[in-house]
Amino acid sequence: MNIPNTNITLEEVLDQMPLNIQFVDNNGFVRYLNKAAAARPAKGKREVGVNIQNCHARPESLETIGRILKDFRSGRKEPHYYINKEGNKSIMVPIFNAEDKFIGTLTYSHPVRYPEPERTFY
């Protein structure tokens, strides 16, 4: 998808973000990873086409992911927020189509504490 009045795609914009961004479809399969998310170490195999359950090794992570997807499939519209043991804050946002059917989850995560900026804009 091209962004109007530019020669840059949405994927190129997302690849520049200092966030891990991924989209998982309603069946739990990874459909998109930006460069930061693809480069992040995983206990399992993390790539487009893989079930999200295969990206996590800890049973408690699998249970949490299953519960979150079930919530969204049941119609939950509010995002899920959590901080993992590595100190990354993740926000899982449910995505619904025009017919209000759950189609997947957009997840973005980042370190809880960013380094102090060199300058601040007001």
PDB file of N, CA and C in Angstrom:
ATOM      1  N   MET A   1       0.844  -1.169   0.000  1.00  0.00           N
ATOM      2  CA  MET A   1       0.000   0.000   0.000  1.00  0.00           C
ATOM      3  C   MET A   1       0.896   1.241   0.000  1.00  0.00           C
ATOM      4  N   ASN A   2       0.719   2.095  -0.988  1.00  0.00           N
ATOM      5  CA  ASN A   2       1.475   3.344  -1.053  1.00  0.00           C
ATOM      6  C   ASN A   2       0.772   4.432  -0.258  1.00  0.00           C
ATOM      7  N   ILE A   3       1.540   5.236   0.417  1.00  0.00           N
ATOM      8  CA  ILE A   3       1.007   6.367   1.159  1.00  0.00           C
ATOM      9  C   ILE A   3       0.880   7.526   0.175  1.00  0.00           C
ATOM     10  N   PRO A   4      -0.287   8.212   0.145  1.00  0.00           N
ATOM     11  CA  PRO A   4      -0.485   9.295  -0.820  1.00  0.00           C
ATOM     12  C   PRO A   4       0.628  10.344  -0.760  1.00  0.00           C
ATOM     13  N   ASN A   5       1.003  10.854  -1.918  1.00  0.00           N
ATOM     14  CA  ASN A   5       1.984  11.925  -2.073  1.00  0.00           C
ATOM     15  C   ASN A   5       3.405  11.550  -1.624  1.00  0.00           C
ATOM     16  N   THR A   6       3.692  10.266  -1.560  1.00  0.00           N
ATOM     17  CA  THR A   6       5.049   9.819  -1.232  1.00  0.00           C
ATOM     18  C   THR A   6       5.392   8.617  -2.090  1.00  0.00           C
ATOM     19  N   ASN A   7       6.637   8.244  -2.053  1.00  0.00           N
ATOM     20  CA  ASN A   7       7.071   7.034  -2.742  1.00  0.00           C
ATOM     21  C   ASN A   7       7.415   5.947  -1.740  1.00  0.00           C
ATOM     22  N   ILE A   8       6.800   6.003  -0.564  1.00  0.00           N
ATOM     23  CA  ILE A   8       7.099   5.052   0.498  1.00  0.00           C
ATOM     24  C   ILE A   8       5.845   4.225   0.800  1.00  0.00           C
ATOM     25  N   THR A   9       6.045   2.963   1.103  1.00  0.00           N
ATOM     26  CA  THR A   9       4.917   2.091   1.425  1.00  0.00           C
ATOM     27  C   THR A   9       4.681   2.101   2.932  1.00  0.00           C
ATOM     28  N   LEU A  10       3.513   1.642   3.322  1.00  0.00           N
ATOM     29  CA  LEU A  10       3.200   1.531   4.737  1.00  0.00           C
ATOM     30  C   LEU A  10       4.183   0.577   5.425  1.00  0.00           C
ATOM     31  N   GLU A  11       4.544  -0.509   4.763  1.00  0.00           N
ATOM     32  CA  GLU A  11       5.506  -1.455   5.327  1.00  0.00           C
ATOM     33  C   GLU A  11       6.857  -0.789   5.589  1.00  0.00           C
ATOM     34  N   GLU A  12       7.291   0.089   4.684  1.00  0.00           N
ATOM     35  CA  GLU A  12       8.554   0.798   4.882  1.00  0.00           C
ATOM     36  C   GLU A  12       8.473   1.741   6.086  1.00  0.00           C
ATOM     37  N   VAL A  13       7.313   2.349   6.284  1.00  0.00           N
ATOM     38  CA  VAL A  13       7.114   3.218   7.450  1.00  0.00           C
ATOM     39  C   VAL A  13       7.180   2.377   8.725  1.00  0.00           C
ATOM     40  N   LEU A  14       6.446   1.274   8.752  1.00  0.00           N
ATOM     41  CA  LEU A  14       6.419   0.416   9.942  1.00  0.00           C
ATOM     42  C   LEU A  14       7.782  -0.180  10.256  1.00  0.00           C
ATOM     43  N   ASP A  15       8.588  -0.449   9.227  1.00  0.00           N
ATOM     44  CA  ASP A  15       9.934  -0.980   9.448  1.00  0.00           C
ATOM     45  C   ASP A  15      10.858   0.041  10.100  1.00  0.00           C
ATOM     46  N   GLN A  16      10.521   1.312  10.033  1.00  0.00           N
ATOM     47  CA  GLN A  16      11.338   2.362  10.653  1.00  0.00           C
ATOM     48  C   GLN A  16      10.953   2.607  12.111  1.00  0.00           C
ATOM     49  N   MET A  17       9.835   2.052  12.535  1.00  0.00           N
ATOM     50  CA  MET A  17       9.354   2.270  13.900  1.00  0.00           C
ATOM     51  C   MET A  17      10.232   1.536  14.909  1.00  0.00           C
ATOM     52  N   PRO A  18      10.535   2.173  16.047  1.00  0.00           N
ATOM     53  CA  PRO A  18      11.326   1.508  17.084  1.00  0.00           C
ATOM     54  C   PRO A  18      10.437   0.642  17.990  1.00  0.00           C
ATOM     55  N   LEU A  19       9.471  -0.029  17.383  1.00  0.00           N
ATOM     56  CA  LEU A  19       8.535  -0.910  18.075  1.00  0.00           C
ATOM     57  C   LEU A  19       8.530  -2.260  17.374  1.00  0.00           C
ATOM     58  N   ASN A  20       8.226  -3.304  18.124  1.00  0.00           N
ATOM     59  CA  ASN A  20       7.965  -4.606  17.512  1.00  0.00           C
ATOM     60  C   ASN A  20       6.490  -4.603  17.123  1.00  0.00           C
ATOM     61  N   ILE A  21       6.197  -4.777  15.837  1.00  0.00           N
ATOM     62  CA  ILE A  21       4.818  -4.740  15.365  1.00  0.00           C
ATOM     63  C   ILE A  21       4.528  -6.042  14.634  1.00  0.00           C
ATOM     64  N   GLN A  22       3.407  -6.677  15.006  1.00  0.00           N
ATOM     65  CA  GLN A  22       3.005  -7.894  14.314  1.00  0.00           C
ATOM     66  C   GLN A  22       1.489  -7.946  14.193  1.00  0.00           C
ATOM     67  N   PHE A  23       1.034  -8.644  13.173  1.00  0.00           N
ATOM     68  CA  PHE A  23      -0.395  -8.887  13.005  1.00  0.00           C
ATOM     69  C   PHE A  23      -0.599 -10.391  12.976  1.00  0.00           C
ATOM     70  N   VAL A  24      -1.514 -10.861  13.823  1.00  0.00           N
ATOM     71  CA  VAL A  24      -1.867 -12.272  13.903  1.00  0.00           C
ATOM     72  C   VAL A  24      -3.331 -12.387  13.514  1.00  0.00           C
ATOM     73  N   ASP A  25      -3.650 -13.284  12.578  1.00  0.00           N
ATOM     74  CA  ASP A  25      -5.042 -13.406  12.120  1.00  0.00           C
ATOM     75  C   ASP A  25      -5.908 -14.094  13.173  1.00  0.00           C
ATOM     76  N   ASN A  26      -7.212 -14.176  12.909  1.00  0.00           N
ATOM     77  CA  ASN A  26      -8.154 -14.721  13.881  1.00  0.00           C
ATOM     78  C   ASN A  26      -7.934 -16.202  14.177  1.00  0.00           C
ATOM     79  N   ASN A  27      -7.166 -16.889  13.353  1.00  0.00           N
ATOM     80  CA  ASN A  27      -6.839 -18.293  13.594  1.00  0.00           C
ATOM     81  C   ASN A  27      -5.507 -18.463  14.312  1.00  0.00           C
ATOM     82  N   GLY A  28      -4.845 -17.350  14.632  1.00  0.00           N
ATOM     83  CA  GLY A  28      -3.606 -17.424  15.387  1.00  0.00           C
ATOM     84  C   GLY A  28      -2.348 -17.505  14.546  1.00  0.00           C
ATOM     85  N   PHE A  29      -2.431 -17.228  13.247  1.00  0.00           N
ATOM     86  CA  PHE A  29      -1.250 -17.295  12.387  1.00  0.00           C
ATOM     87  C   PHE A  29      -0.656 -15.901  12.162  1.00  0.00           C
ATOM     88  N   VAL A  30       0.665 -15.824  12.263  1.00  0.00           N
ATOM     89  CA  VAL A  30       1.371 -14.568  12.041  1.00  0.00           C
ATOM     90  C   VAL A  30       1.247 -14.215  10.563  1.00  0.00           C
ATOM     91  N   ARG A  31       0.739 -13.019  10.275  1.00  0.00           N
ATOM     92  CA  ARG A  31       0.564 -12.563   8.890  1.00  0.00           C
ATOM     93  C   ARG A  31       1.468 -11.384   8.553  1.00  0.00           C
ATOM     94  N   TYR A  32       2.005 -10.703   9.580  1.00  0.00           N
ATOM     95  CA  TYR A  32       2.910  -9.582   9.315  1.00  0.00           C
ATOM     96  C   TYR A  32       3.835  -9.399  10.505  1.00  0.00           C
ATOM     97  N   LEU A  33       5.102  -9.119  10.226  1.00  0.00           N
ATOM     98  CA  LEU A  33       6.101  -8.724  11.219  1.00  0.00           C
ATOM     99  C   LEU A  33       6.893  -7.578  10.631  1.00  0.00           C
ATOM    100  N   ASN A  34       7.080  -6.495  11.393  1.00  0.00           N
ATOM    101  CA  ASN A  34       7.999  -5.478  10.894  1.00  0.00           C
ATOM    102  C   ASN A  34       9.425  -5.948  11.198  1.00  0.00           C
ATOM    103  N   LYS A  35      10.415  -5.204  10.737  1.00  0.00           N
ATOM    104  CA  LYS A  35      11.811  -5.639  10.901  1.00  0.00           C
ATOM    105  C   LYS A  35      12.189  -5.822  12.369  1.00  0.00           C
ATOM    106  N   ALA A  36      11.742  -4.918  13.233  1.00  0.00           N
ATOM    107  CA  ALA A  36      12.087  -5.025  14.659  1.00  0.00           C
ATOM    108  C   ALA A  36      11.505  -6.292  15.274  1.00  0.00           C
ATOM    109  N   ALA A  37      10.273  -6.624  14.933  1.00  0.00           N
ATOM    110  CA  ALA A  37       9.645  -7.834  15.476  1.00  0.00           C
ATOM    111  C   ALA A  37      10.310  -9.091  14.921  1.00  0.00           C
ATOM    112  N   ALA A  38      10.646  -9.083  13.655  1.00  0.00           N
ATOM    113  CA  ALA A  38      11.284 -10.256  13.041  1.00  0.00           C
ATOM    114  C   ALA A  38      12.668 -10.507  13.627  1.00  0.00           C
ATOM    115  N   ALA A  39      13.350  -9.433  14.044  1.00  0.00           N
ATOM    116  CA  ALA A  39      14.708  -9.570  14.576  1.00  0.00           C
ATOM    117  C   ALA A  39      14.725  -9.926  16.063  1.00  0.00           C
ATOM    118  N   ARG A  40      13.607  -9.790  16.734  1.00  0.00           N
ATOM    119  CA  ARG A  40      13.544 -10.062  18.171  1.00  0.00           C
ATOM    120  C   ARG A  40      13.704 -11.554  18.427  1.00  0.00           C
ATOM    121  N   PRO A  41      14.562 -11.920  19.374  1.00  0.00           N
ATOM    122  CA  PRO A  41      14.757 -13.344  19.674  1.00  0.00           C
ATOM    123  C   PRO A  41      13.453 -13.994  20.137  1.00  0.00           C
ATOM    124  N   ALA A  42      13.264 -15.238  19.756  1.00  0.00           N
ATOM    125  CA  ALA A  42      12.071 -15.988  20.148  1.00  0.00           C
ATOM    126  C   ALA A  42      12.490 -17.371  20.613  1.00  0.00           C
ATOM    127  N   LYS A  43      11.694 -17.928  21.507  1.00  0.00           N
ATOM    128  CA  LYS A  43      11.963 -19.289  21.979  1.00  0.00           C
ATOM    129  C   LYS A  43      11.611 -20.318  20.913  1.00  0.00           C
ATOM    130  N   GLY A  44      10.671 -19.961  20.065  1.00  0.00           N
ATOM    131  CA  GLY A  44      10.252 -20.839  18.987  1.00  0.00           C
ATOM    132  C   GLY A  44      10.477 -20.153  17.656  1.00  0.00           C
ATOM    133  N   LYS A  45       9.813 -20.655  16.643  1.00  0.00           N
ATOM    134  CA  LYS A  45       9.963 -20.118  15.287  1.00  0.00           C
ATOM    135  C   LYS A  45       9.029 -18.922  15.114  1.00  0.00           C
ATOM    136  N   ARG A  46       9.581 -17.741  14.801  1.00  0.00           N
ATOM    137  CA  ARG A  46       8.766 -16.545  14.594  1.00  0.00           C
ATOM    138  C   ARG A  46       8.969 -16.070  13.164  1.00  0.00           C
ATOM    139  N   GLU A  47       7.963 -16.293  12.341  1.00  0.00           N
ATOM    140  CA  GLU A  47       7.980 -15.784  10.968  1.00  0.00           C
ATOM    141  C   GLU A  47       6.565 -15.814  10.425  1.00  0.00           C
ATOM    142  N   VAL A  48       6.347 -15.106   9.349  1.00  0.00           N
ATOM    143  CA  VAL A  48       5.032 -15.050   8.724  1.00  0.00           C
ATOM    144  C   VAL A  48       4.612 -16.468   8.330  1.00  0.00           C
ATOM    145  N   GLY A  49       3.360 -16.814   8.642  1.00  0.00           N
ATOM    146  CA  GLY A  49       2.811 -18.119   8.311  1.00  0.00           C
ATOM    147  C   GLY A  49       2.832 -19.113   9.458  1.00  0.00           C
ATOM    148  N   VAL A  50       3.543 -18.802  10.532  1.00  0.00           N
ATOM    149  CA  VAL A  50       3.658 -19.703  11.675  1.00  0.00           C
ATOM    150  C   VAL A  50       2.551 -19.385  12.680  1.00  0.00           C
ATOM    151  N   ASN A  51       2.003 -20.414  13.326  1.00  0.00           N
ATOM    152  CA  ASN A  51       1.016 -20.186  14.372  1.00  0.00           C
ATOM    153  C   ASN A  51       1.704 -19.548  15.560  1.00  0.00           C
ATOM    154  N   ILE A  52       1.066 -18.541  16.143  1.00  0.00           N
ATOM    155  CA  ILE A  52       1.650 -17.801  17.258  1.00  0.00           C
ATOM    156  C   ILE A  52       1.964 -18.725  18.430  1.00  0.00           C
ATOM    157  N   GLN A  53       1.224 -19.802  18.566  1.00  0.00           N
ATOM    158  CA  GLN A  53       1.486 -20.764  19.642  1.00  0.00           C
ATOM    159  C   GLN A  53       2.882 -21.383  19.502  1.00  0.00           C
ATOM    160  N   ASN A  54       3.419 -21.440  18.283  1.00  0.00           N
ATOM    161  CA  ASN A  54       4.744 -22.016  18.054  1.00  0.00           C
ATOM    162  C   ASN A  54       5.873 -21.019  18.285  1.00  0.00           C
ATOM    163  N   CYS A  55       5.534 -19.778  18.619  1.00  0.00           N
ATOM    164  CA  CYS A  55       6.545 -18.752  18.876  1.00  0.00           C
ATOM    165  C   CYS A  55       6.904 -18.669  20.356  1.00  0.00           C
ATOM    166  N   HIS A  56       6.177 -19.367  21.199  1.00  0.00           N
ATOM    167  CA  HIS A  56       6.365 -19.265  22.642  1.00  0.00           C
ATOM    168  C   HIS A  56       6.614 -20.643  23.224  1.00  0.00           C
ATOM    169  N   ALA A  57       7.581 -20.734  24.117  1.00  0.00           N
ATOM    170  CA  ALA A  57       7.952 -22.021  24.698  1.00  0.00           C
ATOM    171  C   ALA A  57       7.314 -22.266  26.069  1.00  0.00           C
ATOM    172  N   ARG A  58       7.009 -21.195  26.809  1.00  0.00           N
ATOM    173  CA  ARG A  58       6.498 -21.364  28.164  1.00  0.00           C
ATOM    174  C   ARG A  58       5.000 -21.658  28.160  1.00  0.00           C
ATOM    175  N   PRO A  59       4.567 -22.702  28.895  1.00  0.00           N
ATOM    176  CA  PRO A  59       3.138 -23.052  28.932  1.00  0.00           C
ATOM    177  C   PRO A  59       2.250 -21.896  29.381  1.00  0.00           C
ATOM    178  N   GLU A  60       2.723 -21.075  30.344  1.00  0.00           N
ATOM    179  CA  GLU A  60       1.890 -19.960  30.808  1.00  0.00           C
ATOM    180  C   GLU A  60       1.684 -18.923  29.705  1.00  0.00           C
ATOM    181  N   SER A  61       2.679 -18.760  28.823  1.00  0.00           N
ATOM    182  CA  SER A  61       2.516 -17.845  27.682  1.00  0.00           C
ATOM    183  C   SER A  61       1.461 -18.379  26.723  1.00  0.00           C
ATOM    184  N   LEU A  62       1.488 -19.681  26.484  1.00  0.00           N
ATOM    185  CA  LEU A  62       0.508 -20.294  25.577  1.00  0.00           C
ATOM    186  C   LEU A  62      -0.908 -20.140  26.129  1.00  0.00           C
ATOM    187  N   GLU A  63      -1.060 -20.319  27.435  1.00  0.00           N
ATOM    188  CA  GLU A  63      -2.377 -20.158  28.057  1.00  0.00           C
ATOM    189  C   GLU A  63      -2.867 -18.719  27.938  1.00  0.00           C
ATOM    190  N   THR A  64      -1.971 -17.765  28.175  1.00  0.00           N
ATOM    191  CA  THR A  64      -2.339 -16.355  28.099  1.00  0.00           C
ATOM    192  C   THR A  64      -2.756 -15.977  26.685  1.00  0.00           C
ATOM    193  N   ILE A  65      -1.970 -16.392  25.705  1.00  0.00           N
ATOM    194  CA  ILE A  65      -2.300 -16.085  24.307  1.00  0.00           C
ATOM    195  C   ILE A  65      -3.638 -16.694  23.926  1.00  0.00           C
ATOM    196  N   GLY A  66      -3.865 -17.932  24.324  1.00  0.00           N
ATOM    197  CA  GLY A  66      -5.145 -18.589  24.032  1.00  0.00           C
ATOM    198  C   GLY A  66      -6.314 -17.848  24.654  1.00  0.00           C
ATOM    199  N   ARG A  67      -6.155 -17.393  25.892  1.00  0.00           N
ATOM    200  CA  ARG A  67      -7.215 -16.654  26.579  1.00  0.00           C
ATOM    201  C   ARG A  67      -7.498 -15.317  25.904  1.00  0.00           C
ATOM    202  N   ILE A  68      -6.425 -14.622  25.505  1.00  0.00           N
ATOM    203  CA  ILE A  68      -6.588 -13.320  24.850  1.00  0.00           C
ATOM    204  C   ILE A  68      -7.311 -13.474  23.516  1.00  0.00           C
ATOM    205  N   LEU A  69      -6.896 -14.444  22.704  1.00  0.00           N
ATOM    206  CA  LEU A  69      -7.570 -14.669  21.416  1.00  0.00           C
ATOM    207  C   LEU A  69      -9.033 -15.057  21.627  1.00  0.00           C
ATOM    208  N   LYS A  70      -9.309 -15.865  22.643  1.00  0.00           N
ATOM    209  CA  LYS A  70     -10.690 -16.249  22.943  1.00  0.00           C
ATOM    210  C   LYS A  70     -11.519 -15.014  23.310  1.00  0.00           C
ATOM    211  N   ASP A  71     -10.938 -14.116  24.135  1.00  0.00           N
ATOM    212  CA  ASP A  71     -11.626 -12.869  24.487  1.00  0.00           C
ATOM    213  C   ASP A  71     -11.990 -12.073  23.237  1.00  0.00           C
ATOM    214  N   PHE A  72     -11.039 -11.925  22.344  1.00  0.00           N
ATOM    215  CA  PHE A  72     -11.278 -11.143  21.125  1.00  0.00           C
ATOM    216  C   PHE A  72     -12.296 -11.832  20.218  1.00  0.00           C
ATOM    217  N   ARG A  73     -12.197 -13.142  20.091  1.00  0.00           N
ATOM    218  CA  ARG A  73     -13.174 -13.879  19.265  1.00  0.00           C
ATOM    219  C   ARG A  73     -14.585 -13.746  19.829  1.00  0.00           C
ATOM    220  N   SER A  74     -14.673 -13.571  21.150  1.00  0.00           N
ATOM    221  CA  SER A  74     -15.973 -13.406  21.815  1.00  0.00           C
ATOM    222  C   SER A  74     -16.499 -11.984  21.714  1.00  0.00           C
ATOM    223  N   GLY A  75     -15.714 -11.089  21.111  1.00  0.00           N
ATOM    224  CA  GLY A  75     -16.187  -9.727  20.880  1.00  0.00           C
ATOM    225  C   GLY A  75     -15.542  -8.656  21.728  1.00  0.00           C
ATOM    226  N   ARG A  76     -14.561  -8.994  22.555  1.00  0.00           N
ATOM    227  CA  ARG A  76     -13.890  -7.966  23.367  1.00  0.00           C
ATOM    228  C   ARG A  76     -13.263  -6.931  22.446  1.00  0.00           C
ATOM    229  N   LYS A  77     -13.532  -5.669  22.692  1.00  0.00           N
ATOM    230  CA  LYS A  77     -13.005  -4.575  21.864  1.00  0.00           C
ATOM    231  C   LYS A  77     -11.814  -3.870  22.527  1.00  0.00           C
ATOM    232  N   GLU A  78     -11.687  -3.998  23.834  1.00  0.00           N
ATOM    233  CA  GLU A  78     -10.608  -3.331  24.552  1.00  0.00           C
ATOM    234  C   GLU A  78      -9.301  -4.093  24.349  1.00  0.00           C
ATOM    235  N   PRO A  79      -8.202  -3.375  24.192  1.00  0.00           N
ATOM    236  CA  PRO A  79      -6.898  -4.040  24.048  1.00  0.00           C
ATOM    237  C   PRO A  79      -6.493  -4.755  25.342  1.00  0.00           C
ATOM    238  N   HIS A  80      -5.606  -5.706  25.197  1.00  0.00           N
ATOM    239  CA  HIS A  80      -4.944  -6.343  26.341  1.00  0.00           C
ATOM    240  C   HIS A  80      -3.575  -5.699  26.472  1.00  0.00           C
ATOM    241  N   TYR A  81      -3.153  -5.413  27.691  1.00  0.00           N
ATOM    242  CA  TYR A  81      -1.848  -4.831  27.972  1.00  0.00           C
ATOM    243  C   TYR A  81      -1.095  -5.765  28.910  1.00  0.00           C
ATOM    244  N   TYR A  82       0.200  -5.905  28.700  1.00  0.00           N
ATOM    245  CA  TYR A  82       0.996  -6.661  29.654  1.00  0.00           C
ATOM    246  C   TYR A  82       2.468  -6.291  29.513  1.00  0.00           C
ATOM    247  N   ILE A  83       3.220  -6.582  30.575  1.00  0.00           N
ATOM    248  CA  ILE A  83       4.665  -6.377  30.577  1.00  0.00           C
ATOM    249  C   ILE A  83       5.299  -7.731  30.816  1.00  0.00           C
ATOM    250  N   ASN A  84       6.189  -8.145  29.892  1.00  0.00           N
ATOM    251  CA  ASN A  84       6.814  -9.456  30.048  1.00  0.00           C
ATOM    252  C   ASN A  84       8.040  -9.390  30.946  1.00  0.00           C
ATOM    253  N   LYS A  85       8.641 -10.537  31.218  1.00  0.00           N
ATOM    254  CA  LYS A  85       9.784 -10.608  32.132  1.00  0.00           C
ATOM    255  C   LYS A  85      11.008  -9.868  31.611  1.00  0.00           C
ATOM    256  N   GLU A  86      11.091  -9.668  30.297  1.00  0.00           N
ATOM    257  CA  GLU A  86      12.217  -8.933  29.718  1.00  0.00           C
ATOM    258  C   GLU A  86      12.025  -7.417  29.813  1.00  0.00           C
ATOM    259  N   GLY A  87      10.885  -6.986  30.319  1.00  0.00           N
ATOM    260  CA  GLY A  87      10.635  -5.558  30.476  1.00  0.00           C
ATOM    261  C   GLY A  87      10.019  -4.894  29.267  1.00  0.00           C
ATOM    262  N   ASN A  88       9.416  -5.662  28.371  1.00  0.00           N
ATOM    263  CA  ASN A  88       8.730  -5.085  27.216  1.00  0.00           C
ATOM    264  C   ASN A  88       7.242  -4.972  27.515  1.00  0.00           C
ATOM    265  N   LYS A  89       6.695  -3.793  27.224  1.00  0.00           N
ATOM    266  CA  LYS A  89       5.259  -3.587  27.349  1.00  0.00           C
ATOM    267  C   LYS A  89       4.634  -3.919  26.006  1.00  0.00           C
ATOM    268  N   SER A  90       3.608  -4.757  26.026  1.00  0.00           N
ATOM    269  CA  SER A  90       2.915  -5.134  24.800  1.00  0.00           C
ATOM    270  C   SER A  90       1.459  -4.724  24.884  1.00  0.00           C
ATOM    271  N   ILE A  91       0.946  -4.268  23.761  1.00  0.00           N
ATOM    272  CA  ILE A  91      -0.453  -3.908  23.633  1.00  0.00           C
ATOM    273  C   ILE A  91      -1.012  -4.729  22.481  1.00  0.00           C
ATOM    274  N   MET A  92      -2.024  -5.540  22.777  1.00  0.00           N
ATOM    275  CA  MET A  92      -2.681  -6.357  21.754  1.00  0.00           C
ATOM    276  C   MET A  92      -4.024  -5.712  21.454  1.00  0.00           C
ATOM    277  N   VAL A  93      -4.177  -5.222  20.226  1.00  0.00           N
ATOM    278  CA  VAL A  93      -5.377  -4.503  19.824  1.00  0.00           C
ATOM    279  C   VAL A  93      -6.207  -5.398  18.901  1.00  0.00           C
ATOM    280  N   PRO A  94      -7.471  -5.674  19.260  1.00  0.00           N
ATOM    281  CA  PRO A  94      -8.299  -6.484  18.378  1.00  0.00           C
ATOM    282  C   PRO A  94      -8.708  -5.680  17.146  1.00  0.00           C
ATOM    283  N   ILE A  95      -8.711  -6.327  15.993  1.00  0.00           N
ATOM    284  CA  ILE A  95      -9.105  -5.685  14.737  1.00  0.00           C
ATOM    285  C   ILE A  95     -10.378  -6.379  14.245  1.00  0.00           C
ATOM    286  N   PHE A  96     -11.385  -5.576  13.955  1.00  0.00           N
ATOM    287  CA  PHE A  96     -12.662  -6.091  13.465  1.00  0.00           C
ATOM    288  C   PHE A  96     -12.927  -5.512  12.074  1.00  0.00           C
ATOM    289  N   ASN A  97     -13.603  -6.286  11.225  1.00  0.00           N
ATOM    290  CA  ASN A  97     -13.924  -5.789   9.885  1.00  0.00           C
ATOM    291  C   ASN A  97     -15.214  -4.968   9.926  1.00  0.00           C
ATOM    292  N   ALA A  98     -15.676  -4.538   8.748  1.00  0.00           N
ATOM    293  CA  ALA A  98     -16.863  -3.680   8.649  1.00  0.00           C
ATOM    294  C   ALA A  98     -18.120  -4.373   9.172  1.00  0.00           C
ATOM    295  N   GLU A  99     -18.148  -5.710   9.137  1.00  0.00           N
ATOM    296  CA  GLU A  99     -19.294  -6.469   9.644  1.00  0.00           C
ATOM    297  C   GLU A  99     -19.143  -6.803  11.125  1.00  0.00           C
ATOM    298  N   ASP A 100     -18.144  -6.189  11.781  1.00  0.00           N
ATOM    299  CA  ASP A 100     -17.873  -6.374  13.202  1.00  0.00           C
ATOM    300  C   ASP A 100     -17.421  -7.793  13.541  1.00  0.00           C
ATOM    301  N   LYS A 101     -16.774  -8.455  12.584  1.00  0.00           N
ATOM    302  CA  LYS A 101     -16.217  -9.793  12.807  1.00  0.00           C
ATOM    303  C   LYS A 101     -14.734  -9.642  13.149  1.00  0.00           C
ATOM    304  N   PHE A 102     -14.301 -10.320  14.194  1.00  0.00           N
ATOM    305  CA  PHE A 102     -12.901 -10.284  14.597  1.00  0.00           C
ATOM    306  C   PHE A 102     -12.044 -10.904  13.496  1.00  0.00           C
ATOM    307  N   ILE A 103     -11.039 -10.139  13.017  1.00  0.00           N
ATOM    308  CA  ILE A 103     -10.177 -10.661  11.944  1.00  0.00           C
ATOM    309  C   ILE A 103      -8.733 -10.864  12.386  1.00  0.00           C
ATOM    310  N   GLY A 104      -8.359 -10.327  13.542  1.00  0.00           N
ATOM    311  CA  GLY A 104      -6.993 -10.540  13.999  1.00  0.00           C
ATOM    312  C   GLY A 104      -6.584  -9.544  15.064  1.00  0.00           C
ATOM    313  N   THR A 105      -5.316  -9.632  15.423  1.00  0.00           N
ATOM    314  CA  THR A 105      -4.752  -8.805  16.483  1.00  0.00           C
ATOM    315  C   THR A 105      -3.521  -8.075  15.996  1.00  0.00           C
ATOM    316  N   LEU A 106      -3.488  -6.790  16.206  1.00  0.00           N
ATOM    317  CA  LEU A 106      -2.290  -6.011  15.948  1.00  0.00           C
ATOM    318  C   LEU A 106      -1.604  -5.838  17.295  1.00  0.00           C
ATOM    319  N   THR A 107      -0.368  -6.309  17.385  1.00  0.00           N
ATOM    320  CA  THR A 107       0.379  -6.216  18.631  1.00  0.00           C
ATOM    321  C   THR A 107       1.600  -5.354  18.415  1.00  0.00           C
ATOM    322  N   TYR A 108       1.833  -4.456  19.346  1.00  0.00           N
ATOM    323  CA  TYR A 108       3.070  -3.689  19.312  1.00  0.00           C
ATOM    324  C   TYR A 108       3.660  -3.691  20.704  1.00  0.00           C
ATOM    325  N   SER A 109       4.980  -3.761  20.748  1.00  0.00           N
ATOM    326  CA  SER A 109       5.642  -3.786  22.044  1.00  0.00           C
ATOM    327  C   SER A 109       6.915  -2.958  21.987  1.00  0.00           C
ATOM    328  N   HIS A 110       7.330  -2.525  23.179  1.00  0.00           N
ATOM    329  CA  HIS A 110       8.523  -1.697  23.295  1.00  0.00           C
ATOM    330  C   HIS A 110       9.046  -1.807  24.711  1.00  0.00           C
ATOM    331  N   PRO A 111      10.310  -1.452  24.943  1.00  0.00           N
ATOM    332  CA  PRO A 111      10.815  -1.451  26.307  1.00  0.00           C
ATOM    333  C   PRO A 111      10.020  -0.476  27.165  1.00  0.00           C
ATOM    334  N   VAL A 112       9.818  -0.820  28.416  1.00  0.00           N
ATOM    335  CA  VAL A 112       9.050   0.039  29.310  1.00  0.00           C
ATOM    336  C   VAL A 112       9.752   1.369  29.504  1.00  0.00           C
ATOM    337  N   ARG A 113      11.055   1.349  29.625  1.00  0.00           N
ATOM    338  CA  ARG A 113      11.811   2.585  29.808  1.00  0.00           C
ATOM    339  C   ARG A 113      12.654   2.850  28.569  1.00  0.00           C
ATOM    340  N   TYR A 114      12.358   3.958  27.929  1.00  0.00           N
ATOM    341  CA  TYR A 114      13.175   4.392  26.806  1.00  0.00           C
ATOM    342  C   TYR A 114      14.371   5.168  27.352  1.00  0.00           C
ATOM    343  N   PRO A 115      15.476   5.224  26.619  1.00  0.00           N
ATOM    344  CA  PRO A 115      16.576   6.089  27.063  1.00  0.00           C
ATOM    345  C   PRO A 115      16.135   7.552  27.016  1.00  0.00           C
ATOM    346  N   GLU A 116      16.761   8.380  27.832  1.00  0.00           N
ATOM    347  CA  GLU A 116      16.439   9.805  27.853  1.00  0.00           C
ATOM    348  C   GLU A 116      16.733  10.411  26.483  1.00  0.00           C
ATOM    349  N   PRO A 117      15.831  11.221  25.963  1.00  0.00           N
ATOM    350  CA  PRO A 117      16.068  11.841  24.656  1.00  0.00           C
ATOM    351  C   PRO A 117      17.187  12.883  24.735  1.00  0.00           C
ATOM    352  N   GLU A 118      17.859  13.065  23.600  1.00  0.00           N
ATOM    353  CA  GLU A 118      18.907  14.097  23.548  1.00  0.00           C
ATOM    354  C   GLU A 118      18.311  15.494  23.614  1.00  0.00           C
ATOM    355  N   ARG A 119      17.109  15.635  23.092  1.00  0.00           N
ATOM    356  CA  ARG A 119      16.417  16.909  23.186  1.00  0.00           C
ATOM    357  C   ARG A 119      14.922  16.662  23.217  1.00  0.00           C
ATOM    358  N   THR A 120      14.220  17.600  23.767  1.00  0.00           N
ATOM    359  CA  THR A 120      12.777  17.482  23.892  1.00  0.00           C
ATOM    360  C   THR A 120      12.127  18.575  23.059  1.00  0.00           C
ATOM    361  N   PHE A 121      11.055  18.216  22.378  1.00  0.00           N
ATOM    362  CA  PHE A 121      10.324  19.179  21.554  1.00  0.00           C
ATOM    363  C   PHE A 121       9.069  19.609  22.290  1.00  0.00           C
ATOM    364  N   TYR A 122       8.775  20.892  22.253  1.00  0.00           N
ATOM    365  CA  TYR A 122       7.570  21.424  22.896  1.00  0.00           C
ATOM    366  C   TYR A 122       6.667  22.027  21.874  1.00  0.00           C
TER     367      TYR A 122
END
